[in-house]
């Protein structure tokens, strides 16, 4: 297993898509995972230590686990099938037994940041989907090109100033 940290939560400027980018702790690879906007917000709120008036779903889950005498030991991104990532939340109950719960990676990560639990990626998953920094930049540029082809097809010369501005934005959180 490979220990990772959350590098960033990124927002597509052309759609509602979000990506959580996990970075290998002792290496150069990144693992981008598409997630929903609500899960992205839940991760970002906790990373930025923002106060919320009532517990969010992942806060509730953490509180229930702790009230039942359990503890989140770690989260593992353990599989990739048909472009869908899978995760396991590893818990320990008050008897010391280890319990693994199937989860979407976005929910597992949102819980991990609340429980201050480490996040891991299985070697095979990182080998299949991990990217070096240069590959990540190429992927982002390719995605932007595909999304922007229709938008910039007509009047492209008039939009150069705006495109330069948008491409220069750093939306990392």
Protein backbone atom coordinates (compact mmCIF):
# COMPACT_ATOMS: atom_id res chain seq x y z
CA UNK A 1 0.00 0.00 0.00
CA UNK A 2 1.10 3.52 -0.78
CA UNK A 3 0.55 6.33 1.71
CA UNK A 4 -0.98 9.43 0.11
CA UNK A 5 -2.05 12.90 1.14
CA UNK A 6 -4.69 15.15 -0.33
CA UNK A 7 -2.85 17.46 -2.71
CA UNK A 8 -5.88 19.46 -3.81
CA UNK A 9 -9.55 19.50 -4.66
CA UNK A 10 -9.95 20.98 -8.12
CA UNK A 11 -12.94 22.45 -9.88
CA UNK A 12 -13.64 22.32 -13.60
CA UNK A 13 -14.48 25.81 -14.83
CA UNK A 14 -16.67 24.45 -17.61
CA UNK A 15 -18.81 21.96 -15.62
CA UNK A 16 -19.80 20.88 -12.12
CA UNK A 17 -17.09 18.20 -12.00
CA UNK A 18 -14.62 18.05 -9.12
CA UNK A 19 -11.39 16.10 -8.78
CA UNK A 20 -9.63 15.18 -5.57
CA UNK A 21 -5.93 14.76 -6.26
CA UNK A 22 -4.04 12.39 -3.97
CA UNK A 23 -0.24 12.70 -3.88
CA UNK A 24 2.13 9.88 -3.05
CA UNK A 25 3.90 10.76 0.23
CA UNK A 26 7.24 9.22 -0.71
CA UNK A 27 7.11 9.65 -4.46
CA UNK A 28 6.16 11.78 -7.42
CA UNK A 29 2.89 10.23 -8.54
CA UNK A 30 -0.56 11.74 -8.25
CA UNK A 31 -3.92 9.97 -8.32
CA UNK A 32 -6.81 12.11 -9.63
CA UNK A 33 -10.29 10.85 -8.70
CA UNK A 34 -13.50 12.42 -10.02
CA UNK A 35 -15.93 13.14 -7.18
CA UNK A 36 -19.26 14.86 -6.72
CA UNK A 37 -19.61 18.51 -5.70
CA UNK A 38 -21.09 17.72 -2.28
CA UNK A 39 -18.26 15.36 -1.35
CA UNK A 40 -15.73 17.87 -2.67
CA UNK A 41 -17.28 20.53 -0.45
CA UNK A 42 -17.25 18.17 2.55
CA UNK A 43 -13.52 17.48 2.07
CA UNK A 44 -12.69 21.15 1.47
CA UNK A 45 -14.67 22.36 4.50
CA UNK A 46 -12.70 20.06 6.78
CA UNK A 47 -9.31 20.77 5.17
CA UNK A 48 -9.87 24.50 5.54
CA UNK A 49 -11.11 24.01 9.12
CA UNK A 50 -14.33 25.87 8.40
CA UNK A 51 -16.99 25.91 11.11
CA UNK A 52 -20.44 24.57 10.26
CA UNK A 53 -23.49 25.16 12.43
CA UNK A 54 -24.69 21.52 12.30
CA UNK A 55 -22.85 18.26 11.64
CA UNK A 56 -22.52 17.27 8.00
CA UNK A 57 -23.11 13.66 6.95
CA UNK A 58 -19.44 12.70 7.33
CA UNK A 59 -19.30 14.38 10.76
CA UNK A 60 -22.35 12.34 11.75
CA UNK A 61 -20.72 9.12 10.55
CA UNK A 62 -17.55 9.86 12.51
CA UNK A 63 -19.58 10.68 15.64
CA UNK A 64 -21.60 7.45 15.40
CA UNK A 65 -18.46 5.34 14.94
CA UNK A 66 -16.87 6.97 18.00
CA UNK A 67 -20.04 6.72 20.14
CA UNK A 68 -20.16 3.00 19.39
CA UNK A 69 -16.57 2.65 20.62
CA UNK A 70 -14.99 2.40 17.20
CA UNK A 71 -12.14 4.20 15.53
CA UNK A 72 -11.28 4.87 11.89
CA UNK A 73 -7.86 3.26 11.46
CA UNK A 74 -7.27 4.04 7.77
CA UNK A 75 -8.89 4.44 4.37
CA UNK A 76 -7.69 2.45 1.36
CA UNK A 77 -8.42 3.14 -2.30
CA UNK A 78 -8.33 -0.54 -3.13
CA UNK A 79 -9.68 -1.12 -6.63
CA UNK A 80 -10.36 0.36 -10.05
CA UNK A 81 -12.94 -1.28 -12.30
CA UNK A 82 -14.40 0.21 -15.49
CA UNK A 83 -13.01 3.66 -14.61
CA UNK A 84 -14.65 3.53 -11.16
CA UNK A 85 -12.53 3.67 -8.01
CA UNK A 86 -13.46 1.64 -4.92
CA UNK A 87 -12.41 2.19 -1.32
CA UNK A 88 -12.50 0.48 2.07
CA UNK A 89 -12.83 2.18 5.44
CA UNK A 90 -10.89 0.17 8.01
CA UNK A 91 -12.37 0.45 11.50
CA UNK A 92 -11.41 -1.00 14.84
CA UNK A 93 -14.13 -1.71 17.38
CA UNK A 94 -13.74 -1.47 21.14
CA UNK A 95 -12.87 -5.20 21.28
CA UNK A 96 -9.90 -4.56 19.01
CA UNK A 97 -11.44 -6.32 16.00
CA UNK A 98 -10.77 -4.85 12.57
CA UNK A 99 -13.79 -4.26 10.35
CA UNK A 100 -13.65 -3.21 6.70
CA UNK A 101 -16.53 -1.30 5.13
CA UNK A 102 -17.01 -0.80 1.38
CA UNK A 103 -17.20 2.88 0.42
CA UNK A 104 -16.99 5.35 -2.41
CA UNK A 105 -13.53 6.96 -2.31
CA UNK A 106 -15.01 10.44 -1.90
CA UNK A 107 -16.94 9.45 1.24
CA UNK A 108 -13.98 7.51 2.63
CA UNK A 109 -11.67 10.50 2.11
CA UNK A 110 -14.19 12.91 3.66
CA UNK A 111 -14.38 10.62 6.71
CA UNK A 112 -10.59 10.19 6.87
CA UNK A 113 -9.95 13.94 7.03
CA UNK A 114 -12.44 14.23 9.91
CA UNK A 115 -11.02 11.26 11.80
CA UNK A 116 -7.42 12.27 11.08
CA UNK A 117 -6.90 8.81 9.60
CA UNK A 118 -4.24 7.99 7.01
CA UNK A 119 -5.20 7.40 3.38
CA UNK A 120 -3.59 4.65 1.31
CA UNK A 121 -3.78 3.47 -2.29
CA UNK A 122 -3.18 -0.14 -3.30
CA UNK A 123 -0.02 -0.53 -5.39
CA UNK A 124 -1.94 -1.96 -8.37
CA UNK A 125 -4.39 0.96 -8.40
CA UNK A 126 -1.57 3.53 -8.30
CA UNK A 127 0.32 1.64 -11.02
CA UNK A 128 -2.75 1.67 -13.27
CA UNK A 129 -4.09 5.18 -12.64
CA UNK A 130 -1.28 7.18 -11.02
CA UNK A 131 0.30 10.01 -12.98
CA UNK A 132 3.59 11.80 -12.95
CA UNK A 133 3.32 15.62 -12.76
CA UNK A 134 3.94 16.03 -16.51
CA UNK A 135 1.19 13.49 -17.33
CA UNK A 136 -1.25 15.29 -15.04
CA UNK A 137 -0.67 18.60 -16.82
CA UNK A 138 -1.14 16.92 -20.18
CA UNK A 139 -4.42 15.37 -18.97
CA UNK A 140 -5.74 18.71 -17.74
CA UNK A 141 -4.81 20.44 -21.00
CA UNK A 142 -6.40 17.63 -23.05
CA UNK A 143 -9.59 17.85 -20.95
CA UNK A 144 -9.70 21.63 -21.28
CA UNK A 145 -9.20 21.35 -25.05
CA UNK A 146 -12.08 18.87 -25.39
CA UNK A 147 -14.41 20.97 -23.21
CA UNK A 148 -13.48 24.23 -24.92
CA UNK A 149 -13.55 23.11 -28.59
CA UNK A 150 -17.22 23.97 -29.06
CA UNK A 151 -17.03 27.16 -27.00
CA UNK A 152 -14.05 28.65 -28.84
CA UNK A 153 -14.87 27.43 -32.33
CA UNK A 154 -16.34 30.78 -33.41
CA UNK A 155 -14.74 34.09 -32.51
CA UNK A 156 -11.64 32.46 -31.03
CA UNK A 157 -9.48 35.52 -31.68
CA UNK A 158 -11.83 37.73 -29.63
CA UNK A 159 -11.58 35.38 -26.63
CA UNK A 160 -7.78 35.14 -26.35
CA UNK A 161 -7.61 37.64 -23.48
CA UNK A 162 -10.28 35.78 -21.52
CA UNK A 163 -8.72 32.36 -22.21
CA UNK A 164 -5.32 33.59 -20.97
CA UNK A 165 -6.98 34.89 -17.80
CA UNK A 166 -8.89 31.67 -17.11
CA UNK A 167 -5.92 29.42 -17.81
CA UNK A 168 -3.84 31.51 -15.40
CA UNK A 169 -6.24 30.92 -12.50
CA UNK A 170 -5.04 28.61 -9.71
CA UNK A 171 -8.14 27.00 -8.23
CA UNK A 172 -6.37 24.52 -5.89
CA UNK A 173 -7.75 24.38 -2.35
